[in-house]
């Protein structure tokens, strides 16, 4: 059980850093704004995405959040990563920008799998 907790919290904290902290700190930089424009999305989409990412990370990190809300957060991040892969592939072809969301999706899957394993043991 200790190994499962370590895997869950490591994966979940990585998601929290990549999808909550980094976007919150960098969303208003010119690089971030240009990234949204480059993919063809309006500026307000980037702002909304950051808000929902932060809310999703809060839902995943705080243990007392109801499991149904956590499921929605996992689903939202999954859709986010899938559409990021599609967007980057459509605009830039297959490069590191296309595969990075796939790597983060894998980390999210580890968090999700171990979240359920830990809940079964309770």
N, C-alpha and C. Protein backbone atom coordinates (compact mmCIF):
# COMPACT_ATOMS: atom_id res chain seq x y z
N UNK A 1 0.83 -1.19 0.00
CA UNK A 1 0.00 0.00 0.00
C UNK A 1 0.87 1.26 0.00
N UNK A 2 2.02 1.21 0.65
CA UNK A 2 2.89 2.37 0.68
C UNK A 2 3.39 2.71 -0.73
N UNK A 3 3.74 1.69 -1.49
CA UNK A 3 4.20 1.89 -2.87
C UNK A 3 3.09 2.54 -3.71
N UNK A 4 1.86 2.08 -3.51
CA UNK A 4 0.73 2.64 -4.26
C UNK A 4 0.51 4.11 -3.91
N UNK A 5 0.63 4.45 -2.64
CA UNK A 5 0.47 5.85 -2.22
C UNK A 5 1.57 6.72 -2.82
N UNK A 6 2.79 6.20 -2.82
CA UNK A 6 3.91 6.96 -3.39
C UNK A 6 3.68 7.19 -4.88
N UNK A 7 3.28 6.15 -5.60
CA UNK A 7 3.03 6.30 -7.05
C UNK A 7 1.88 7.28 -7.30
N UNK A 8 0.81 7.14 -6.52
CA UNK A 8 -0.34 8.05 -6.69
C UNK A 8 0.07 9.49 -6.45
N UNK A 9 0.70 9.76 -5.31
CA UNK A 9 1.02 11.14 -4.97
C UNK A 9 2.10 11.72 -5.88
N UNK A 10 3.04 10.92 -6.31
CA UNK A 10 4.06 11.41 -7.24
C UNK A 10 3.41 11.83 -8.56
N UNK A 11 2.58 10.96 -9.11
CA UNK A 11 1.91 11.27 -10.38
C UNK A 11 0.97 12.46 -10.22
N UNK A 12 0.22 12.49 -9.14
CA UNK A 12 -0.74 13.57 -8.92
C UNK A 12 -0.05 14.91 -8.71
N UNK A 13 1.05 14.91 -7.99
CA UNK A 13 1.79 16.16 -7.78
C UNK A 13 2.41 16.64 -9.09
N UNK A 14 2.91 15.71 -9.91
CA UNK A 14 3.43 16.12 -11.23
C UNK A 14 2.33 16.75 -12.08
N UNK A 15 1.15 16.17 -12.06
CA UNK A 15 0.01 16.76 -12.79
C UNK A 15 -0.29 18.14 -12.21
N UNK A 16 -0.28 18.24 -10.90
CA UNK A 16 -0.53 19.53 -10.25
C UNK A 16 0.47 20.59 -10.66
N UNK A 17 1.73 20.20 -10.77
CA UNK A 17 2.76 21.16 -11.19
C UNK A 17 2.60 21.54 -12.66
N UNK A 18 2.44 20.54 -13.52
CA UNK A 18 2.34 20.80 -14.96
C UNK A 18 1.05 21.49 -15.37
N UNK A 19 -0.05 21.15 -14.68
CA UNK A 19 -1.35 21.64 -15.12
C UNK A 19 -1.97 22.70 -14.22
N UNK A 20 -1.40 22.93 -13.06
CA UNK A 20 -1.94 23.95 -12.17
C UNK A 20 -0.97 25.07 -11.92
N UNK A 21 0.19 24.74 -11.40
CA UNK A 21 1.15 25.77 -11.02
C UNK A 21 1.75 26.46 -12.24
N UNK A 22 2.29 25.67 -13.17
CA UNK A 22 2.93 26.29 -14.35
C UNK A 22 1.97 27.17 -15.15
N UNK A 23 0.77 26.68 -15.49
CA UNK A 23 -0.15 27.57 -16.23
C UNK A 23 -0.54 28.82 -15.45
N UNK A 24 -0.73 28.68 -14.13
CA UNK A 24 -1.08 29.84 -13.32
C UNK A 24 0.02 30.89 -13.34
N UNK A 25 1.27 30.45 -13.34
CA UNK A 25 2.39 31.38 -13.30
C UNK A 25 2.77 31.93 -14.67
N UNK A 26 2.46 31.19 -15.73
CA UNK A 26 2.95 31.59 -17.06
C UNK A 26 1.86 31.95 -18.06
N UNK A 27 0.59 31.88 -17.68
CA UNK A 27 -0.49 32.06 -18.65
C UNK A 27 -0.53 33.44 -19.29
N UNK A 28 -0.02 34.44 -18.62
CA UNK A 28 -0.09 35.80 -19.16
C UNK A 28 1.21 36.23 -19.86
N UNK A 29 2.13 35.31 -20.03
CA UNK A 29 3.36 35.64 -20.74
C UNK A 29 3.09 35.68 -22.24
N UNK A 30 3.93 36.39 -22.95
CA UNK A 30 3.77 36.47 -24.41
C UNK A 30 3.92 35.11 -25.07
N UNK A 31 4.81 34.27 -24.54
CA UNK A 31 5.00 32.94 -25.09
C UNK A 31 3.73 32.10 -25.00
N UNK A 32 3.06 32.16 -23.85
CA UNK A 32 1.81 31.42 -23.67
C UNK A 32 0.72 31.96 -24.59
N UNK A 33 0.61 33.28 -24.66
CA UNK A 33 -0.41 33.89 -25.52
C UNK A 33 -0.16 33.56 -26.98
N UNK A 34 1.10 33.57 -27.38
CA UNK A 34 1.44 33.22 -28.76
C UNK A 34 1.14 31.75 -29.04
N UNK A 35 1.37 30.90 -28.06
CA UNK A 35 1.06 29.47 -28.22
C UNK A 35 -0.42 29.24 -28.49
N UNK A 36 -1.28 29.95 -27.78
CA UNK A 36 -2.72 29.84 -28.00
C UNK A 36 -3.09 30.38 -29.38
N UNK A 37 -2.53 31.53 -29.74
CA UNK A 37 -2.80 32.12 -31.07
C UNK A 37 -2.30 31.20 -32.18
N UNK A 38 -1.12 30.64 -31.98
CA UNK A 38 -0.52 29.76 -32.99
C UNK A 38 -1.42 28.57 -33.31
N UNK A 39 -2.10 28.06 -32.30
CA UNK A 39 -2.99 26.92 -32.52
C UNK A 39 -4.36 27.33 -33.06
N UNK A 40 -4.58 28.64 -33.18
CA UNK A 40 -5.82 29.13 -33.77
C UNK A 40 -6.95 29.37 -32.79
N UNK A 41 -6.64 29.37 -31.50
CA UNK A 41 -7.66 29.60 -30.49
C UNK A 41 -7.69 31.07 -30.09
N UNK A 42 -8.86 31.58 -29.72
CA UNK A 42 -8.93 32.97 -29.25
C UNK A 42 -8.29 33.12 -27.87
N UNK A 43 -7.89 34.33 -27.54
CA UNK A 43 -7.17 34.59 -26.28
C UNK A 43 -7.99 34.18 -25.06
N UNK A 44 -9.29 34.39 -25.09
CA UNK A 44 -10.10 34.05 -23.92
C UNK A 44 -10.10 32.54 -23.65
N UNK A 45 -9.87 31.74 -24.67
CA UNK A 45 -9.82 30.29 -24.48
C UNK A 45 -8.66 29.90 -23.56
N UNK A 46 -7.53 30.54 -23.74
CA UNK A 46 -6.38 30.26 -22.88
C UNK A 46 -6.66 30.62 -21.44
N UNK A 47 -7.34 31.74 -21.22
CA UNK A 47 -7.68 32.15 -19.86
C UNK A 47 -8.65 31.17 -19.21
N UNK A 48 -9.67 30.76 -19.95
CA UNK A 48 -10.64 29.79 -19.43
C UNK A 48 -9.95 28.46 -19.14
N UNK A 49 -9.05 28.05 -20.02
CA UNK A 49 -8.33 26.79 -19.83
C UNK A 49 -7.52 26.80 -18.54
N UNK A 50 -6.87 27.91 -18.26
CA UNK A 50 -6.06 28.02 -17.04
C UNK A 50 -6.96 27.92 -15.81
N UNK A 51 -8.10 28.59 -15.83
CA UNK A 51 -9.02 28.54 -14.68
C UNK A 51 -9.48 27.11 -14.44
N UNK A 52 -9.87 26.41 -15.50
CA UNK A 52 -10.36 25.04 -15.33
C UNK A 52 -9.23 24.08 -14.94
N UNK A 53 -8.02 24.34 -15.42
CA UNK A 53 -6.88 23.50 -15.00
C UNK A 53 -6.63 23.66 -13.51
N UNK A 54 -6.65 24.88 -13.03
CA UNK A 54 -6.42 25.12 -11.60
C UNK A 54 -7.52 24.45 -10.77
N UNK A 55 -8.76 24.60 -11.19
CA UNK A 55 -9.87 23.95 -10.46
C UNK A 55 -9.72 22.43 -10.49
N UNK A 56 -9.29 21.88 -11.63
CA UNK A 56 -9.08 20.44 -11.75
C UNK A 56 -7.98 19.94 -10.84
N UNK A 57 -6.90 20.69 -10.77
CA UNK A 57 -5.79 20.31 -9.88
C UNK A 57 -6.24 20.36 -8.43
N UNK A 58 -6.99 21.36 -8.06
CA UNK A 58 -7.50 21.45 -6.69
C UNK A 58 -8.36 20.22 -6.39
N UNK A 59 -9.20 19.84 -7.35
CA UNK A 59 -10.06 18.66 -7.15
C UNK A 59 -9.23 17.38 -6.98
N UNK A 60 -8.13 17.27 -7.69
CA UNK A 60 -7.30 16.06 -7.59
C UNK A 60 -6.45 16.03 -6.32
N UNK A 61 -5.96 17.18 -5.91
CA UNK A 61 -4.99 17.23 -4.80
C UNK A 61 -5.66 17.14 -3.43
N UNK A 62 -6.80 17.77 -3.26
CA UNK A 62 -7.44 17.81 -1.94
C UNK A 62 -8.18 16.49 -1.68
N UNK A 63 -7.76 15.75 -0.66
CA UNK A 63 -8.35 14.43 -0.41
C UNK A 63 -9.85 14.44 -0.09
N UNK A 64 -10.36 15.49 0.52
CA UNK A 64 -11.76 15.53 0.95
C UNK A 64 -12.75 15.84 -0.19
N UNK A 65 -12.24 16.13 -1.38
CA UNK A 65 -13.13 16.40 -2.51
C UNK A 65 -13.86 15.10 -2.87
N UNK A 66 -15.17 15.16 -3.12
CA UNK A 66 -15.93 13.95 -3.46
C UNK A 66 -15.37 13.26 -4.71
N UNK A 67 -15.45 11.93 -4.71
CA UNK A 67 -14.86 11.15 -5.80
C UNK A 67 -15.51 11.46 -7.16
N UNK A 68 -16.78 11.79 -7.16
CA UNK A 68 -17.43 12.12 -8.44
C UNK A 68 -16.81 13.36 -9.07
N UNK A 69 -16.47 14.34 -8.25
CA UNK A 69 -15.82 15.55 -8.76
C UNK A 69 -14.41 15.23 -9.26
N UNK A 70 -13.72 14.34 -8.55
CA UNK A 70 -12.40 13.91 -8.99
C UNK A 70 -12.49 13.21 -10.35
N UNK A 71 -13.51 12.40 -10.55
CA UNK A 71 -13.70 11.72 -11.84
C UNK A 71 -13.88 12.75 -12.97
N UNK A 72 -14.62 13.81 -12.70
CA UNK A 72 -14.80 14.87 -13.69
C UNK A 72 -13.48 15.55 -13.99
N UNK A 73 -12.67 15.76 -12.97
CA UNK A 73 -11.37 16.39 -13.17
C UNK A 73 -10.47 15.49 -14.01
N UNK A 74 -10.44 14.21 -13.71
CA UNK A 74 -9.64 13.28 -14.52
C UNK A 74 -10.13 13.27 -15.97
N UNK A 75 -11.45 13.26 -16.16
CA UNK A 75 -12.00 13.27 -17.52
C UNK A 75 -11.63 14.57 -18.24
N UNK A 76 -11.75 15.70 -17.54
CA UNK A 76 -11.41 16.98 -18.15
C UNK A 76 -9.97 17.05 -18.58
N UNK A 77 -9.06 16.58 -17.73
CA UNK A 77 -7.65 16.57 -18.10
C UNK A 77 -7.39 15.62 -19.27
N UNK A 78 -8.08 14.49 -19.28
CA UNK A 78 -7.91 13.54 -20.39
C UNK A 78 -8.32 14.19 -21.70
N UNK A 79 -9.49 14.84 -21.72
CA UNK A 79 -9.92 15.54 -22.93
C UNK A 79 -8.94 16.64 -23.32
N UNK A 80 -8.46 17.37 -22.33
CA UNK A 80 -7.50 18.44 -22.57
C UNK A 80 -6.26 17.90 -23.28
N UNK A 81 -5.71 16.80 -22.77
CA UNK A 81 -4.49 16.24 -23.36
C UNK A 81 -4.74 15.67 -24.76
N UNK A 82 -5.88 15.00 -24.92
CA UNK A 82 -6.20 14.44 -26.25
C UNK A 82 -6.34 15.56 -27.27
N UNK A 83 -7.06 16.61 -26.91
CA UNK A 83 -7.24 17.72 -27.85
C UNK A 83 -5.96 18.52 -28.05
N UNK A 84 -5.09 18.55 -27.05
CA UNK A 84 -3.78 19.19 -27.25
C UNK A 84 -2.97 18.41 -28.28
N UNK A 85 -3.00 17.09 -28.18
CA UNK A 85 -2.30 16.26 -29.17
C UNK A 85 -2.86 16.52 -30.56
N UNK A 86 -4.17 16.53 -30.69
CA UNK A 86 -4.81 16.76 -31.99
C UNK A 86 -4.46 18.15 -32.52
N UNK A 87 -4.56 19.17 -31.67
CA UNK A 87 -4.28 20.54 -32.10
C UNK A 87 -2.84 20.68 -32.59
N UNK A 88 -1.90 20.17 -31.82
CA UNK A 88 -0.49 20.29 -32.22
C UNK A 88 -0.20 19.49 -33.47
N UNK A 89 -0.79 18.30 -33.59
CA UNK A 89 -0.56 17.49 -34.79
C UNK A 89 -1.14 18.18 -36.03
N UNK A 90 -2.30 18.80 -35.89
CA UNK A 90 -2.94 19.46 -37.03
C UNK A 90 -2.17 20.69 -37.48
N UNK A 91 -1.60 21.43 -36.56
CA UNK A 91 -0.90 22.67 -36.89
C UNK A 91 0.57 22.44 -37.18
N UNK A 92 1.24 21.66 -36.34
CA UNK A 92 2.70 21.54 -36.43
C UNK A 92 3.18 20.19 -36.93
N UNK A 93 2.29 19.24 -37.15
CA UNK A 93 2.73 17.89 -37.49
C UNK A 93 3.14 17.16 -36.23
N UNK A 94 3.83 16.06 -36.40
CA UNK A 94 4.22 15.24 -35.25
C UNK A 94 5.62 15.59 -34.80
N UNK A 95 5.69 16.33 -33.70
CA UNK A 95 6.97 16.71 -33.09
C UNK A 95 6.85 16.59 -31.59
N UNK A 96 7.79 17.16 -30.87
CA UNK A 96 7.79 17.08 -29.41
C UNK A 96 6.55 17.74 -28.82
N UNK A 97 6.07 18.82 -29.45
CA UNK A 97 4.86 19.49 -28.96
C UNK A 97 3.66 18.56 -29.04
N UNK A 98 3.67 17.64 -29.98
CA UNK A 98 2.57 16.70 -30.14
C UNK A 98 2.66 15.57 -29.12
N UNK A 99 3.85 15.14 -28.81
CA UNK A 99 4.01 13.98 -27.93
C UNK A 99 4.07 14.34 -26.45
N UNK A 100 4.40 15.57 -26.10
CA UNK A 100 4.46 15.94 -24.69
C UNK A 100 3.11 15.75 -23.98
N UNK A 101 1.97 16.18 -24.59
CA UNK A 101 0.69 15.92 -23.91
C UNK A 101 0.43 14.42 -23.73
N UNK A 102 0.96 13.59 -24.61
CA UNK A 102 0.80 12.14 -24.47
C UNK A 102 1.56 11.63 -23.25
N UNK A 103 2.73 12.19 -23.00
CA UNK A 103 3.52 11.82 -21.83
C UNK A 103 2.78 12.23 -20.55
N UNK A 104 2.24 13.44 -20.55
CA UNK A 104 1.51 13.92 -19.36
C UNK A 104 0.22 13.11 -19.19
N UNK A 105 -0.40 12.70 -20.28
CA UNK A 105 -1.58 11.84 -20.21
C UNK A 105 -1.23 10.51 -19.55
N UNK A 106 -0.07 9.99 -19.85
CA UNK A 106 0.41 8.76 -19.21
C UNK A 106 0.57 8.95 -17.70
N UNK A 107 1.12 10.08 -17.30
CA UNK A 107 1.27 10.38 -15.86
C UNK A 107 -0.12 10.51 -15.22
N UNK A 108 -1.05 11.14 -15.92
CA UNK A 108 -2.42 11.26 -15.42
C UNK A 108 -3.04 9.87 -15.25
N UNK A 109 -2.79 8.97 -16.20
CA UNK A 109 -3.34 7.62 -16.11
C UNK A 109 -2.80 6.89 -14.89
N UNK A 110 -1.53 7.09 -14.57
CA UNK A 110 -0.95 6.48 -13.37
C UNK A 110 -1.66 7.01 -12.13
N UNK A 111 -1.88 8.32 -12.07
CA UNK A 111 -2.60 8.92 -10.94
C UNK A 111 -4.00 8.32 -10.83
N UNK A 112 -4.68 8.21 -11.94
CA UNK A 112 -6.06 7.70 -11.97
C UNK A 112 -6.12 6.23 -11.52
N UNK A 113 -5.24 5.42 -12.05
CA UNK A 113 -5.22 3.99 -11.71
C UNK A 113 -4.96 3.80 -10.23
N UNK A 114 -3.97 4.51 -9.70
CA UNK A 114 -3.64 4.34 -8.29
C UNK A 114 -4.64 5.04 -7.37
N UNK A 115 -5.33 6.04 -7.85
CA UNK A 115 -6.43 6.63 -7.08
C UNK A 115 -7.49 5.56 -6.81
N UNK A 116 -7.83 4.81 -7.85
CA UNK A 116 -8.85 3.76 -7.69
C UNK A 116 -8.33 2.58 -6.88
N UNK A 117 -7.08 2.21 -7.04
CA UNK A 117 -6.51 1.14 -6.24
C UNK A 117 -6.53 1.49 -4.76
N UNK A 118 -6.18 2.72 -4.44
CA UNK A 118 -6.18 3.14 -3.04
C UNK A 118 -7.59 3.21 -2.47
N UNK A 119 -8.56 3.62 -3.28
CA UNK A 119 -9.95 3.70 -2.81
C UNK A 119 -10.56 2.32 -2.59
N UNK A 120 -10.14 1.33 -3.35
CA UNK A 120 -10.64 -0.05 -3.16
C UNK A 120 -10.19 -0.61 -1.82
N UNK A 121 -9.02 -0.18 -1.38
CA UNK A 121 -8.45 -0.73 -0.14
C UNK A 121 -9.07 -0.10 1.11
N UNK A 122 -9.80 0.98 0.95
CA UNK A 122 -10.40 1.66 2.12
C UNK A 122 -11.61 0.90 2.63
